[in-house]
Amino acid sequence: MLMDYLEQEIHKNKRIISRTEHWTWLVPFWAFWPYETMLLPNRHVERFTDLTESEKQSLAEILRLLLIKYDNVFECSFPYMMGWSGAPTGSFLAQDCSHWQLHLSFFPPLLRSATVPKYLAGYEVFAEKQRDISPEMAAKTLREIGQ
């Protein structure tokens, strides 16, 4: 499903921040946190261990770009939460996990400046989360910010 979504994002080209031969960095349309992003391999990959050496090298390069751009958004060492999602391991290695897609998610907690964090308001905790910046605007800012 994420690969189908990636194809749509590439076609629309509104929320893509950067693309390399092996990776695409984008702001997903469902992004809630300001500057929330996702990094996807450009091919179906179930687990981190399935990456080729070339993809691992390319990953290091795009992560460097990603972190520099995050730091430059608010001119500080940008805080973020980051996590890999992929197919389970262990006893699941023998099972069909082809429906899994490896991806990396970033959730930066800053809102408007280095000193203004994003907090969930009461209505966001109990009802619906509110976006403080559109995914398209976040992608544009990250695309255009210097390295």
N, C-alpha and C. Protein backbone atom coordinates (compact mmCIF):
# COMPACT_ATOMS: atom_id res chain seq x y z
N MET A 1 0.82 -1.18 0.00
CA MET A 1 0.00 0.00 0.00
C MET A 1 0.87 1.26 0.00
N LEU A 2 1.94 1.26 0.78
CA LEU A 2 2.81 2.45 0.80
C LEU A 2 3.49 2.69 -0.54
N MET A 3 3.77 1.63 -1.28
CA MET A 3 4.39 1.81 -2.60
C MET A 3 3.39 2.44 -3.57
N ASP A 4 2.12 2.06 -3.48
CA ASP A 4 1.08 2.70 -4.29
C ASP A 4 0.96 4.17 -3.91
N TYR A 5 0.99 4.43 -2.61
CA TYR A 5 0.93 5.82 -2.13
C TYR A 5 2.14 6.61 -2.64
N LEU A 6 3.32 6.02 -2.59
CA LEU A 6 4.52 6.69 -3.07
C LEU A 6 4.38 7.06 -4.55
N GLU A 7 3.85 6.16 -5.35
CA GLU A 7 3.62 6.46 -6.78
C GLU A 7 2.72 7.67 -6.95
N GLN A 8 1.66 7.75 -6.16
CA GLN A 8 0.75 8.90 -6.23
C GLN A 8 1.46 10.19 -5.85
N GLU A 9 2.26 10.14 -4.79
CA GLU A 9 2.98 11.34 -4.36
C GLU A 9 3.99 11.79 -5.42
N ILE A 10 4.66 10.84 -6.04
CA ILE A 10 5.62 11.18 -7.09
C ILE A 10 4.89 11.83 -8.26
N HIS A 11 3.73 11.30 -8.61
CA HIS A 11 2.94 11.85 -9.71
C HIS A 11 2.46 13.27 -9.39
N LYS A 12 1.96 13.50 -8.17
CA LYS A 12 1.46 14.82 -7.78
C LYS A 12 2.59 15.81 -7.55
N ASN A 13 3.68 15.34 -6.96
CA ASN A 13 4.89 16.14 -6.71
C ASN A 13 4.61 17.42 -5.92
N LYS A 14 3.73 17.35 -4.92
CA LYS A 14 3.44 18.50 -4.07
C LYS A 14 4.06 18.37 -2.69
N ARG A 15 4.22 17.13 -2.23
CA ARG A 15 4.72 16.90 -0.87
C ARG A 15 6.08 16.20 -0.86
N ILE A 16 6.69 16.05 -2.03
CA ILE A 16 8.03 15.45 -2.11
C ILE A 16 9.05 16.51 -1.72
N ILE A 17 9.96 16.16 -0.83
CA ILE A 17 11.02 17.09 -0.43
C ILE A 17 12.28 16.80 -1.24
N SER A 18 12.63 15.53 -1.33
CA SER A 18 13.84 15.15 -2.06
C SER A 18 13.72 13.71 -2.53
N ARG A 19 14.34 13.43 -3.69
CA ARG A 19 14.39 12.07 -4.23
C ARG A 19 15.80 11.77 -4.69
N THR A 20 16.22 10.54 -4.42
CA THR A 20 17.49 10.05 -4.95
C THR A 20 17.17 8.80 -5.77
N GLU A 21 18.20 8.17 -6.25
CA GLU A 21 18.00 6.93 -7.01
C GLU A 21 17.28 5.87 -6.16
N HIS A 22 17.54 5.88 -4.84
CA HIS A 22 17.03 4.81 -3.98
C HIS A 22 15.98 5.24 -2.94
N TRP A 23 15.85 6.53 -2.68
CA TRP A 23 14.99 6.99 -1.57
C TRP A 23 14.14 8.18 -1.97
N THR A 24 12.98 8.30 -1.32
CA THR A 24 12.12 9.48 -1.45
C THR A 24 11.78 9.97 -0.06
N TRP A 25 12.00 11.27 0.14
CA TRP A 25 11.68 11.93 1.41
C TRP A 25 10.46 12.80 1.15
N LEU A 26 9.39 12.63 1.92
CA LEU A 26 8.15 13.36 1.68
C LEU A 26 7.43 13.68 2.98
N VAL A 27 6.47 14.60 2.87
CA VAL A 27 5.55 14.88 3.96
C VAL A 27 4.26 14.14 3.62
N PRO A 28 3.87 13.13 4.40
CA PRO A 28 2.65 12.40 4.06
C PRO A 28 1.41 13.28 4.22
N PHE A 29 0.39 13.03 3.41
CA PHE A 29 -0.80 13.87 3.46
C PHE A 29 -1.48 13.80 4.83
N TRP A 30 -1.24 12.75 5.59
CA TRP A 30 -1.85 12.60 6.90
C TRP A 30 -0.99 13.21 8.02
N ALA A 31 0.08 13.89 7.68
CA ALA A 31 0.98 14.46 8.69
C ALA A 31 0.22 15.33 9.68
N PHE A 32 0.47 15.10 10.93
CA PHE A 32 -0.13 15.89 12.00
C PHE A 32 0.89 16.84 12.61
N TRP A 33 2.07 16.33 12.94
CA TRP A 33 3.10 17.17 13.54
C TRP A 33 3.66 18.12 12.49
N PRO A 34 3.97 19.37 12.88
CA PRO A 34 4.63 20.27 11.94
C PRO A 34 5.95 19.64 11.49
N TYR A 35 6.16 19.58 10.22
CA TYR A 35 7.38 19.04 9.62
C TYR A 35 7.55 17.54 9.85
N GLU A 36 6.46 16.83 10.10
CA GLU A 36 6.48 15.37 10.13
C GLU A 36 6.81 14.87 8.72
N THR A 37 7.72 13.93 8.62
CA THR A 37 8.10 13.42 7.30
C THR A 37 8.26 11.91 7.32
N MET A 38 8.36 11.36 6.11
CA MET A 38 8.56 9.93 5.93
C MET A 38 9.62 9.72 4.87
N LEU A 39 10.47 8.75 5.09
CA LEU A 39 11.51 8.38 4.13
C LEU A 39 11.23 6.95 3.68
N LEU A 40 11.08 6.78 2.37
CA LEU A 40 10.73 5.47 1.80
C LEU A 40 11.76 5.04 0.77
N PRO A 41 12.10 3.75 0.74
CA PRO A 41 12.90 3.26 -0.37
C PRO A 41 12.05 3.33 -1.65
N ASN A 42 12.69 3.51 -2.78
CA ASN A 42 11.96 3.62 -4.04
C ASN A 42 11.53 2.27 -4.60
N ARG A 43 11.83 1.21 -3.89
CA ARG A 43 11.38 -0.13 -4.30
C ARG A 43 10.81 -0.82 -3.07
N HIS A 44 10.11 -1.91 -3.29
CA HIS A 44 9.54 -2.67 -2.18
C HIS A 44 10.67 -3.32 -1.37
N VAL A 45 10.74 -2.98 -0.09
CA VAL A 45 11.72 -3.54 0.84
C VAL A 45 10.96 -3.87 2.12
N GLU A 46 11.07 -5.09 2.58
CA GLU A 46 10.35 -5.49 3.78
C GLU A 46 11.08 -5.13 5.07
N ARG A 47 12.40 -5.35 5.07
CA ARG A 47 13.19 -5.15 6.30
C ARG A 47 14.47 -4.38 5.99
N PHE A 48 14.99 -3.74 7.01
CA PHE A 48 16.24 -3.00 6.87
C PHE A 48 17.35 -3.91 6.34
N THR A 49 17.35 -5.15 6.76
CA THR A 49 18.39 -6.09 6.33
C THR A 49 18.29 -6.46 4.85
N ASP A 50 17.18 -6.10 4.20
CA ASP A 50 17.01 -6.37 2.77
C ASP A 50 17.60 -5.28 1.88
N LEU A 51 18.08 -4.20 2.47
CA LEU A 51 18.66 -3.11 1.69
C LEU A 51 19.98 -3.55 1.06
N THR A 52 20.24 -3.07 -0.15
CA THR A 52 21.52 -3.33 -0.80
C THR A 52 22.57 -2.38 -0.23
N GLU A 53 23.83 -2.65 -0.49
CA GLU A 53 24.90 -1.76 -0.04
C GLU A 53 24.72 -0.36 -0.64
N SER A 54 24.33 -0.30 -1.90
CA SER A 54 24.10 0.98 -2.56
C SER A 54 22.96 1.75 -1.89
N GLU A 55 21.90 1.05 -1.51
CA GLU A 55 20.77 1.70 -0.83
C GLU A 55 21.18 2.18 0.55
N LYS A 56 22.03 1.43 1.24
CA LYS A 56 22.51 1.86 2.56
C LYS A 56 23.36 3.12 2.44
N GLN A 57 24.23 3.17 1.45
CA GLN A 57 25.06 4.36 1.22
C GLN A 57 24.19 5.56 0.89
N SER A 58 23.22 5.35 0.02
CA SER A 58 22.30 6.42 -0.36
C SER A 58 21.47 6.87 0.83
N LEU A 59 21.10 5.93 1.71
CA LEU A 59 20.37 6.26 2.92
C LEU A 59 21.18 7.21 3.79
N ALA A 60 22.45 6.92 3.97
CA ALA A 60 23.31 7.80 4.77
C ALA A 60 23.34 9.21 4.19
N GLU A 61 23.40 9.31 2.88
CA GLU A 61 23.46 10.62 2.23
C GLU A 61 22.16 11.40 2.39
N ILE A 62 21.01 10.73 2.19
CA ILE A 62 19.75 11.46 2.29
C ILE A 62 19.43 11.78 3.76
N LEU A 63 19.85 10.92 4.70
CA LEU A 63 19.66 11.24 6.11
C LEU A 63 20.47 12.47 6.51
N ARG A 64 21.66 12.58 5.97
CA ARG A 64 22.49 13.77 6.24
C ARG A 64 21.77 15.02 5.74
N LEU A 65 21.25 14.97 4.51
CA LEU A 65 20.50 16.10 3.95
C LEU A 65 19.28 16.41 4.81
N LEU A 66 18.54 15.39 5.18
CA LEU A 66 17.33 15.54 5.97
C LEU A 66 17.64 16.24 7.29
N LEU A 67 18.67 15.78 8.00
CA LEU A 67 18.99 16.35 9.30
C LEU A 67 19.52 17.78 9.19
N ILE A 68 20.28 18.07 8.16
CA ILE A 68 20.76 19.44 7.95
C ILE A 68 19.58 20.37 7.68
N LYS A 69 18.67 19.94 6.83
CA LYS A 69 17.51 20.78 6.52
C LYS A 69 16.64 20.98 7.76
N TYR A 70 16.44 19.93 8.55
CA TYR A 70 15.69 20.10 9.80
C TYR A 70 16.38 21.13 10.70
N ASP A 71 17.70 21.04 10.86
CA ASP A 71 18.43 22.00 11.69
C ASP A 71 18.27 23.42 11.16
N ASN A 72 18.24 23.58 9.84
CA ASN A 72 18.17 24.91 9.24
C ASN A 72 16.78 25.53 9.27
N VAL A 73 15.74 24.73 9.46
CA VAL A 73 14.38 25.28 9.51
C VAL A 73 14.27 26.32 10.62
N PHE A 74 14.72 25.98 11.83
CA PHE A 74 14.62 26.89 12.96
C PHE A 74 15.98 27.35 13.47
N GLU A 75 17.04 27.09 12.69
CA GLU A 75 18.39 27.52 13.04
C GLU A 75 18.80 27.03 14.43
N CYS A 76 18.58 25.75 14.65
CA CYS A 76 18.98 25.12 15.92
C CYS A 76 19.20 23.64 15.66
N SER A 77 19.74 22.97 16.65
CA SER A 77 19.84 21.52 16.57
C SER A 77 18.42 20.99 16.77
N PHE A 78 17.80 20.60 15.67
CA PHE A 78 16.37 20.31 15.62
C PHE A 78 16.03 19.01 16.35
N PRO A 79 15.15 19.07 17.36
CA PRO A 79 14.75 17.84 18.05
C PRO A 79 13.76 17.05 17.20
N TYR A 80 13.81 15.76 17.31
CA TYR A 80 12.85 14.94 16.57
C TYR A 80 12.78 13.55 17.19
N MET A 81 11.68 12.88 16.91
CA MET A 81 11.53 11.46 17.22
C MET A 81 11.60 10.76 15.88
N MET A 82 12.30 9.64 15.82
CA MET A 82 12.50 8.93 14.56
C MET A 82 12.29 7.45 14.81
N GLY A 83 11.64 6.77 13.87
CA GLY A 83 11.46 5.34 14.04
C GLY A 83 11.29 4.60 12.74
N TRP A 84 11.94 3.45 12.65
CA TRP A 84 11.80 2.56 11.49
C TRP A 84 10.58 1.67 11.69
N SER A 85 9.86 1.43 10.61
CA SER A 85 8.78 0.45 10.59
C SER A 85 9.06 -0.50 9.44
N GLY A 86 8.93 -1.78 9.71
CA GLY A 86 9.16 -2.78 8.68
C GLY A 86 8.61 -4.11 9.12
N ALA A 87 8.83 -5.12 8.32
CA ALA A 87 8.32 -6.45 8.61
C ALA A 87 8.93 -6.99 9.90
N PRO A 88 8.16 -7.76 10.65
CA PRO A 88 8.70 -8.36 11.87
C PRO A 88 9.77 -9.40 11.56
N THR A 89 10.55 -9.70 12.56
CA THR A 89 11.63 -10.68 12.40
C THR A 89 11.35 -11.89 13.29
N GLY A 90 12.38 -12.60 13.66
CA GLY A 90 12.21 -13.77 14.53
C GLY A 90 11.42 -14.86 13.82
N SER A 91 10.38 -15.36 14.48
CA SER A 91 9.57 -16.44 13.91
C SER A 91 8.83 -16.01 12.65
N PHE A 92 8.72 -14.71 12.42
CA PHE A 92 8.02 -14.21 11.23
C PHE A 92 8.87 -14.29 9.96
N LEU A 93 10.16 -14.55 10.10
CA LEU A 93 11.04 -14.61 8.93
C LEU A 93 10.59 -15.67 7.94
N ALA A 94 9.97 -16.73 8.42
CA ALA A 94 9.51 -17.82 7.54
C ALA A 94 8.13 -17.54 6.95
N GLN A 95 7.47 -16.49 7.41
CA GLN A 95 6.12 -16.18 6.94
C GLN A 95 6.17 -15.16 5.80
N ASP A 96 5.08 -15.11 5.05
CA ASP A 96 4.96 -14.13 3.98
C ASP A 96 4.70 -12.75 4.60
N CYS A 97 5.64 -11.87 4.44
CA CYS A 97 5.51 -10.50 4.96
C CYS A 97 5.55 -9.49 3.82
N SER A 98 5.14 -9.93 2.64
CA SER A 98 5.24 -9.07 1.46
C SER A 98 4.34 -7.84 1.54
N HIS A 99 3.39 -7.83 2.47
CA HIS A 99 2.52 -6.66 2.63
C HIS A 99 3.19 -5.57 3.47
N TRP A 100 4.33 -5.85 4.06
CA TRP A 100 5.07 -4.86 4.84
C TRP A 100 5.95 -4.02 3.92
N GLN A 101 6.12 -2.75 4.26
CA GLN A 101 7.02 -1.87 3.52
C GLN A 101 7.88 -1.11 4.53
N LEU A 102 9.17 -1.26 4.41
CA LEU A 102 10.11 -0.53 5.26
C LEU A 102 9.94 0.97 5.03
N HIS A 103 9.92 1.74 6.10
CA HIS A 103 9.91 3.20 6.00
C HIS A 103 10.37 3.80 7.32
N LEU A 104 10.80 5.02 7.24
CA LEU A 104 11.32 5.76 8.39
C LEU A 104 10.44 6.98 8.60
N SER A 105 9.96 7.17 9.83
CA SER A 105 9.11 8.32 10.15
C SER A 105 9.84 9.26 11.09
N PHE A 106 9.65 10.56 10.85
CA PHE A 106 10.22 11.62 11.70
C PHE A 106 9.08 12.45 12.25
N PHE A 107 9.12 12.70 13.56
CA PHE A 107 8.11 13.52 14.21
C PHE A 107 8.80 14.62 15.01
N PRO A 108 9.05 15.78 14.41
CA PRO A 108 9.68 16.89 15.12
C PRO A 108 8.63 17.65 15.95
N PRO A 109 8.90 17.95 17.21
CA PRO A 109 7.91 18.57 18.08
C PRO A 109 7.87 20.10 18.06
N LEU A 110 8.66 20.76 17.22
CA LEU A 110 8.64 22.22 17.21
C LEU A 110 7.53 22.75 16.31
N LEU A 111 7.03 23.95 16.65
CA LEU A 111 5.91 24.52 15.93
C LEU A 111 6.32 25.71 15.07
N ARG A 112 6.60 26.86 15.70
CA ARG A 112 6.91 28.07 14.94
C ARG A 112 8.35 28.53 15.06
N SER A 113 9.03 28.10 16.12
CA SER A 113 10.41 28.52 16.33
C SER A 113 11.10 27.49 17.23
N ALA A 114 12.38 27.71 17.47
CA ALA A 114 13.16 26.78 18.30
C ALA A 114 12.66 26.76 19.74
N THR A 115 11.92 27.79 20.15
CA THR A 115 11.45 27.87 21.53
C THR A 115 9.95 27.59 21.67
N VAL A 116 9.28 27.26 20.58
CA VAL A 116 7.83 27.01 20.63
C VAL A 116 7.53 25.56 20.24
N PRO A 117 7.41 24.69 21.25
CA PRO A 117 7.10 23.29 20.93
C PRO A 117 5.62 23.12 20.60
N LYS A 118 5.31 22.06 19.91
CA LYS A 118 3.93 21.69 19.60
C LYS A 118 3.41 20.86 20.76
N TYR A 119 2.36 21.34 21.40
CA TYR A 119 1.68 20.58 22.45
C TYR A 119 0.30 20.21 21.95
N LEU A 120 -0.17 19.05 22.36
CA LEU A 120 -1.54 18.69 22.05
C LEU A 120 -2.47 19.48 22.96
N ALA A 121 -3.44 20.16 22.37
CA ALA A 121 -4.44 20.87 23.15
C ALA A 121 -5.47 19.85 23.64
N GLY A 122 -6.28 20.25 24.61
CA GLY A 122 -7.27 19.33 25.16
C GLY A 122 -8.17 18.73 24.10
N TYR A 123 -8.65 19.55 23.18
CA TYR A 123 -9.54 19.02 22.14
C TYR A 123 -8.80 18.07 21.21
N GLU A 124 -7.47 18.24 21.07
CA GLU A 124 -6.70 17.33 20.22
C GLU A 124 -6.52 15.97 20.90
N VAL A 125 -6.39 15.99 22.22
CA VAL A 125 -6.23 14.75 22.96
C VAL A 125 -7.53 13.95 22.94
N PHE A 126 -8.65 14.65 23.09
CA PHE A 126 -9.93 13.96 23.24
C PHE A 126 -10.78 13.91 21.98
N ALA A 127 -10.43 14.64 20.98
CA ALA A 127 -11.26 14.66 19.77
C ALA A 127 -10.41 14.46 18.52
N GLU A 128 -10.09 15.53 17.85
CA GLU A 128 -9.40 15.46 16.56
C GLU A 128 -8.13 16.31 16.61
N LYS A 129 -7.04 15.76 16.12
CA LYS A 129 -5.80 16.52 16.06
C LYS A 129 -5.92 17.63 15.03
N GLN A 130 -5.29 18.76 15.31
CA GLN A 130 -5.30 19.91 14.42
C GLN A 130 -3.93 20.09 13.79
N ARG A 131 -3.91 20.41 12.52
CA ARG A 131 -2.64 20.71 11.84
C ARG A 131 -2.33 22.19 11.99
N ASP A 132 -1.11 22.47 12.33
CA ASP A 132 -0.68 23.86 12.45
C ASP A 132 -0.06 24.36 11.16
N ILE A 133 0.31 23.45 10.28
CA ILE A 133 0.91 23.78 8.98
C ILE A 133 0.50 22.66 8.02
N SER A 134 0.17 23.02 6.81
CA SER A 134 -0.26 21.99 5.85
C SER A 134 0.94 21.14 5.41
N PRO A 135 0.71 19.89 5.04
CA PRO A 135 1.80 19.06 4.53
C PRO A 135 2.50 19.70 3.33
N GLU A 136 1.73 20.35 2.46
CA GLU A 136 2.31 20.99 1.28
C GLU A 136 3.24 22.15 1.67
N MET A 137 2.84 22.94 2.67
CA MET A 137 3.67 24.06 3.12
C MET A 137 4.94 23.55 3.80
N ALA A 138 4.82 22.50 4.60
CA ALA A 138 6.00 21.92 5.26
C ALA A 138 6.98 21.39 4.21
N ALA A 139 6.46 20.69 3.20
CA ALA A 139 7.33 20.16 2.14
C ALA A 139 8.03 21.29 1.40
N LYS A 140 7.29 22.36 1.09
CA LYS A 140 7.87 23.51 0.38
C LYS A 140 8.98 24.14 1.21
N THR A 141 8.74 24.33 2.50
CA THR A 141 9.75 24.93 3.38
C THR A 141 11.01 24.06 3.42
N LEU A 142 10.84 22.76 3.62
CA LEU A 142 11.99 21.86 3.70
C LEU A 142 12.72 21.75 2.36
N ARG A 143 11.97 21.78 1.26
CA ARG A 143 12.59 21.72 -0.06
C ARG A 143 13.47 22.95 -0.31
N GLU A 144 12.96 24.12 0.09
CA GLU A 144 13.62 25.38 -0.25
C GLU A 144 14.67 25.83 0.74
N ILE A 145 14.67 25.27 1.95
CA ILE A 145 15.65 25.69 2.96
C ILE A 145 17.05 25.26 2.52
N GLY A 146 18.02 26.08 2.79
CA GLY A 146 19.40 25.79 2.37
C GLY A 146 20.01 24.62 3.10
N GLN A 147 21.12 24.16 2.55
CA GLN A 147 21.86 23.05 3.15
C GLN A 147 23.05 23.60 3.88
